[in-house]
């Protein structure tokens, strides 16, 4: 009986490990330099579906000049899989092509100290990320 329980536990571990990166990436982010999508003025929400096959980057803003936060940008995406450093996604509205002619895919890489994530265009000759954003404090305005 103990062997069966141990085997079932081991089988469950990869699924839990896969969810960790999604949980780590889920949250509200802002531009650490305060240029565009700041935590207070235009927070960027990263969300995933329960089955981890879909997600979205949503940016909220007080476009109408009030304190009401409205959805300003909605970028839904398909999750294509895991990578060694994060997850691979493709935005639904993607029209950029990589050097092979395929639609561009992006890697979301979670980073720590402080908590943040960055984007990397797959197929890019540059190994480093672009658009690093930091996790916002819990008092960020919500939609």
C-alpha atoms as a PDB file:
ATOM      1  CA  UNK A   1       0.000   0.000   0.000  1.00  0.00           C
ATOM      2  CA  UNK A   2       2.811   2.396   0.887  1.00  0.00           C
ATOM      3  CA  UNK A   3       4.478   1.728  -2.486  1.00  0.00           C
ATOM      4  CA  UNK A   4       1.275   2.562  -4.339  1.00  0.00           C
ATOM      5  CA  UNK A   5       0.865   5.789  -2.382  1.00  0.00           C
ATOM      6  CA  UNK A   6       4.499   6.732  -3.088  1.00  0.00           C
ATOM      7  CA  UNK A   7       4.068   5.981  -6.821  1.00  0.00           C
ATOM      8  CA  UNK A   8       0.906   8.088  -6.999  1.00  0.00           C
ATOM      9  CA  UNK A   9       2.667  10.943  -5.212  1.00  0.00           C
ATOM     10  CA  UNK A  10       5.563  10.822  -7.680  1.00  0.00           C
ATOM     11  CA  UNK A  11       3.152  10.893 -10.599  1.00  0.00           C
ATOM     12  CA  UNK A  12       1.500  14.001  -9.197  1.00  0.00           C
ATOM     13  CA  UNK A  13       4.763  15.918  -8.779  1.00  0.00           C
ATOM     14  CA  UNK A  14       5.271  16.972 -12.428  1.00  0.00           C
ATOM     15  CA  UNK A  15       1.768  18.474 -12.574  1.00  0.00           C
ATOM     16  CA  UNK A  16       2.437  20.457  -9.405  1.00  0.00           C
ATOM     17  CA  UNK A  17       5.803  21.636 -10.704  1.00  0.00           C
ATOM     18  CA  UNK A  18       4.172  22.748 -13.953  1.00  0.00           C
ATOM     19  CA  UNK A  19       1.622  24.826 -12.059  1.00  0.00           C
ATOM     20  CA  UNK A  20       4.311  26.568 -10.029  1.00  0.00           C
ATOM     21  CA  UNK A  21       5.539  28.636 -12.974  1.00  0.00           C
ATOM     22  CA  UNK A  22       1.977  29.686 -13.769  1.00  0.00           C
ATOM     23  CA  UNK A  23       1.369  30.686 -10.172  1.00  0.00           C
ATOM     24  CA  UNK A  24       4.699  32.489 -10.112  1.00  0.00           C
ATOM     25  CA  UNK A  25       3.859  34.460 -13.275  1.00  0.00           C
ATOM     26  CA  UNK A  26       0.257  35.264 -12.328  1.00  0.00           C
ATOM     27  CA  UNK A  27      -0.107  38.688 -10.784  1.00  0.00           C
ATOM     28  CA  UNK A  28      -0.164  42.431 -11.232  1.00  0.00           C
ATOM     29  CA  UNK A  29       2.943  44.071 -12.649  1.00  0.00           C
ATOM     30  CA  UNK A  30       4.203  47.505 -13.500  1.00  0.00           C
ATOM     31  CA  UNK A  31       7.037  49.206 -15.318  1.00  0.00           C
ATOM     32  CA  UNK A  32       9.864  49.526 -12.775  1.00  0.00           C
ATOM     33  CA  UNK A  33      11.049  52.740 -14.435  1.00  0.00           C
ATOM     34  CA  UNK A  34       7.594  54.310 -14.412  1.00  0.00           C
ATOM     35  CA  UNK A  35       7.483  55.026 -18.139  1.00  0.00           C
ATOM     36  CA  UNK A  36       4.320  53.379 -19.381  1.00  0.00           C
ATOM     37  CA  UNK A  37       2.526  50.681 -17.398  1.00  0.00           C
ATOM     38  CA  UNK A  38       3.133  51.755 -13.808  1.00  0.00           C
ATOM     39  CA  UNK A  39       1.640  49.869 -10.883  1.00  0.00           C
ATOM     40  CA  UNK A  40      -0.600  52.787  -9.873  1.00  0.00           C
ATOM     41  CA  UNK A  41      -1.412  54.327 -13.262  1.00  0.00           C
ATOM     42  CA  UNK A  42      -1.662  51.355 -15.625  1.00  0.00           C
ATOM     43  CA  UNK A  43      -1.147  48.015 -13.894  1.00  0.00           C
ATOM     44  CA  UNK A  44      -0.527  44.987 -16.092  1.00  0.00           C
ATOM     45  CA  UNK A  45      -2.393  41.843 -15.038  1.00  0.00           C
ATOM     46  CA  UNK A  46      -1.090  38.430 -16.126  1.00  0.00           C
ATOM     47  CA  UNK A  47      -3.754  35.749 -15.853  1.00  0.00           C
ATOM     48  CA  UNK A  48      -4.081  32.113 -16.920  1.00  0.00           C
ATOM     49  CA  UNK A  49      -7.046  29.813 -17.462  1.00  0.00           C
ATOM     50  CA  UNK A  50      -7.508  26.960 -14.995  1.00  0.00           C
ATOM     51  CA  UNK A  51      -6.322  24.422 -17.575  1.00  0.00           C
ATOM     52  CA  UNK A  52      -3.185  26.552 -18.239  1.00  0.00           C
ATOM     53  CA  UNK A  53      -3.785  26.502 -22.009  1.00  0.00           C
ATOM     54  CA  UNK A  54      -4.850  30.133 -22.329  1.00  0.00           C
ATOM     55  CA  UNK A  55      -3.962  33.403 -20.727  1.00  0.00           C
ATOM     56  CA  UNK A  56      -3.947  37.145 -21.167  1.00  0.00           C
ATOM     57  CA  UNK A  57      -1.976  40.252 -20.416  1.00  0.00           C
ATOM     58  CA  UNK A  58      -4.460  42.962 -19.499  1.00  0.00           C
ATOM     59  CA  UNK A  59      -3.530  46.567 -18.851  1.00  0.00           C
ATOM     60  CA  UNK A  60      -5.918  48.745 -16.863  1.00  0.00           C
ATOM     61  CA  UNK A  61      -5.892  52.524 -16.825  1.00  0.00           C
ATOM     62  CA  UNK A  62      -7.921  55.460 -15.606  1.00  0.00           C
ATOM     63  CA  UNK A  63      -8.454  56.589 -19.194  1.00  0.00           C
ATOM     64  CA  UNK A  64     -11.535  58.595 -18.324  1.00  0.00           C
ATOM     65  CA  UNK A  65      -9.636  60.742 -15.794  1.00  0.00           C
ATOM     66  CA  UNK A  66     -11.372  59.252 -12.759  1.00  0.00           C
ATOM     67  CA  UNK A  67     -10.145  56.716 -10.254  1.00  0.00           C
ATOM     68  CA  UNK A  68     -12.094  53.966 -12.059  1.00  0.00           C
ATOM     69  CA  UNK A  69      -9.683  51.550 -13.697  1.00  0.00           C
ATOM     70  CA  UNK A  70     -10.842  50.448 -17.149  1.00  0.00           C
ATOM     71  CA  UNK A  71      -9.455  47.721 -19.390  1.00  0.00           C
ATOM     72  CA  UNK A  72      -7.214  49.573 -21.856  1.00  0.00           C
ATOM     73  CA  UNK A  73      -5.319  46.688 -23.479  1.00  0.00           C
ATOM     74  CA  UNK A  74      -6.333  43.032 -23.650  1.00  0.00           C
ATOM     75  CA  UNK A  75      -3.787  40.637 -25.171  1.00  0.00           C
ATOM     76  CA  UNK A  76      -5.101  37.061 -25.015  1.00  0.00           C
ATOM     77  CA  UNK A  77      -2.655  34.284 -25.817  1.00  0.00           C
ATOM     78  CA  UNK A  78      -2.304  30.524 -26.211  1.00  0.00           C
ATOM     79  CA  UNK A  79       0.126  28.688 -23.963  1.00  0.00           C
ATOM     80  CA  UNK A  80       2.253  26.520 -26.236  1.00  0.00           C
ATOM     81  CA  UNK A  81       4.301  24.787 -23.570  1.00  0.00           C
ATOM     82  CA  UNK A  82       6.986  25.004 -20.940  1.00  0.00           C
ATOM     83  CA  UNK A  83      10.595  26.013 -21.497  1.00  0.00           C
ATOM     84  CA  UNK A  84      13.660  25.635 -19.303  1.00  0.00           C
ATOM     85  CA  UNK A  85      13.174  29.228 -18.116  1.00  0.00           C
ATOM     86  CA  UNK A  86       9.410  29.793 -18.220  1.00  0.00           C
ATOM     87  CA  UNK A  87       6.501  29.312 -20.596  1.00  0.00           C
ATOM     88  CA  UNK A  88       6.123  29.703 -24.346  1.00  0.00           C
ATOM     89  CA  UNK A  89       3.107  31.664 -25.597  1.00  0.00           C
ATOM     90  CA  UNK A  90       1.703  33.100 -28.812  1.00  0.00           C
ATOM     91  CA  UNK A  91      -0.552  36.142 -28.752  1.00  0.00           C
ATOM     92  CA  UNK A  92      -3.860  35.707 -30.603  1.00  0.00           C
ATOM     93  CA  UNK A  93      -3.257  38.934 -32.523  1.00  0.00           C
ATOM     94  CA  UNK A  94       0.365  38.135 -33.384  1.00  0.00           C
ATOM     95  CA  UNK A  95       1.345  39.191 -36.889  1.00  0.00           C
ATOM     96  CA  UNK A  96       5.126  39.477 -36.531  1.00  0.00           C
ATOM     97  CA  UNK A  97       7.165  36.663 -38.064  1.00  0.00           C
ATOM     98  CA  UNK A  98      10.398  35.094 -36.900  1.00  0.00           C
ATOM     99  CA  UNK A  99      13.361  34.589 -39.274  1.00  0.00           C
ATOM    100  CA  UNK A 100      11.886  31.282 -40.497  1.00  0.00           C
ATOM    101  CA  UNK A 101       8.588  32.936 -41.441  1.00  0.00           C
ATOM    102  CA  UNK A 102       6.596  31.406 -38.575  1.00  0.00           C
ATOM    103  CA  UNK A 103       4.431  33.593 -36.370  1.00  0.00           C
ATOM    104  CA  UNK A 104       6.471  35.005 -33.490  1.00  0.00           C
ATOM    105  CA  UNK A 105       6.258  33.261 -30.156  1.00  0.00           C
ATOM    106  CA  UNK A 106       7.275  34.701 -26.812  1.00  0.00           C
ATOM    107  CA  UNK A 107       8.775  33.268 -23.682  1.00  0.00           C
ATOM    108  CA  UNK A 108       7.652  34.637 -20.322  1.00  0.00           C
ATOM    109  CA  UNK A 109      10.534  34.205 -17.872  1.00  0.00           C
ATOM    110  CA  UNK A 110       9.837  34.612 -14.150  1.00  0.00           C
ATOM    111  CA  UNK A 111      12.647  36.371 -12.276  1.00  0.00           C
ATOM    112  CA  UNK A 112      13.261  36.874  -8.565  1.00  0.00           C
ATOM    113  CA  UNK A 113      14.875  39.389  -6.230  1.00  0.00           C
ATOM    114  CA  UNK A 114      12.759  41.410  -6.711  1.00  0.00           C
ATOM    115  CA  UNK A 115       9.824  39.455  -8.153  1.00  0.00           C
ATOM    116  CA  UNK A 116       9.375  40.324 -11.805  1.00  0.00           C
ATOM    117  CA  UNK A 117       9.165  38.737 -15.237  1.00  0.00           C
ATOM    118  CA  UNK A 118      10.475  39.490 -18.686  1.00  0.00           C
ATOM    119  CA  UNK A 119       9.567  38.673 -22.262  1.00  0.00           C
ATOM    120  CA  UNK A 120      11.866  37.060 -24.792  1.00  0.00           C
ATOM    121  CA  UNK A 121      11.084  36.821 -28.495  1.00  0.00           C
ATOM    122  CA  UNK A 122      11.889  33.278 -29.569  1.00  0.00           C
ATOM    123  CA  UNK A 123      14.063  33.077 -32.620  1.00  0.00           C
ATOM    124  CA  UNK A 124      15.665  36.381 -31.675  1.00  0.00           C
ATOM    125  CA  UNK A 125      19.445  36.432 -31.982  1.00  0.00           C
ATOM    126  CA  UNK A 126      19.558  38.273 -28.642  1.00  0.00           C
ATOM    127  CA  UNK A 127      19.456  35.894 -25.658  1.00  0.00           C
ATOM    128  CA  UNK A 128      18.317  38.495 -23.160  1.00  0.00           C
ATOM    129  CA  UNK A 129      14.804  39.579 -22.330  1.00  0.00           C
ATOM    130  CA  UNK A 130      12.939  42.722 -23.198  1.00  0.00           C
ATOM    131  CA  UNK A 131      10.218  44.505 -21.249  1.00  0.00           C
ATOM    132  CA  UNK A 132      11.084  43.492 -17.698  1.00  0.00           C
ATOM    133  CA  UNK A 133       8.263  44.389 -15.318  1.00  0.00           C
ATOM    134  CA  UNK A 134       8.081  44.072 -11.541  1.00  0.00           C
ATOM    135  CA  UNK A 135       5.405  42.609  -9.329  1.00  0.00           C
ATOM    136  CA  UNK A 136       3.288  45.358  -7.798  1.00  0.00           C
ATOM    137  CA  UNK A 137       2.459  45.785  -4.144  1.00  0.00           C
ATOM    138  CA  UNK A 138      -0.905  44.446  -3.013  1.00  0.00           C
ATOM    139  CA  UNK A 139      -2.516  47.913  -2.865  1.00  0.00           C
ATOM    140  CA  UNK A 140      -2.635  48.335  -6.664  1.00  0.00           C
ATOM    141  CA  UNK A 141      -5.969  49.521  -8.069  1.00  0.00           C
ATOM    142  CA  UNK A 142      -7.970  46.667  -9.556  1.00  0.00           C
ATOM    143  CA  UNK A 143     -10.523  46.668 -12.310  1.00  0.00           C
END
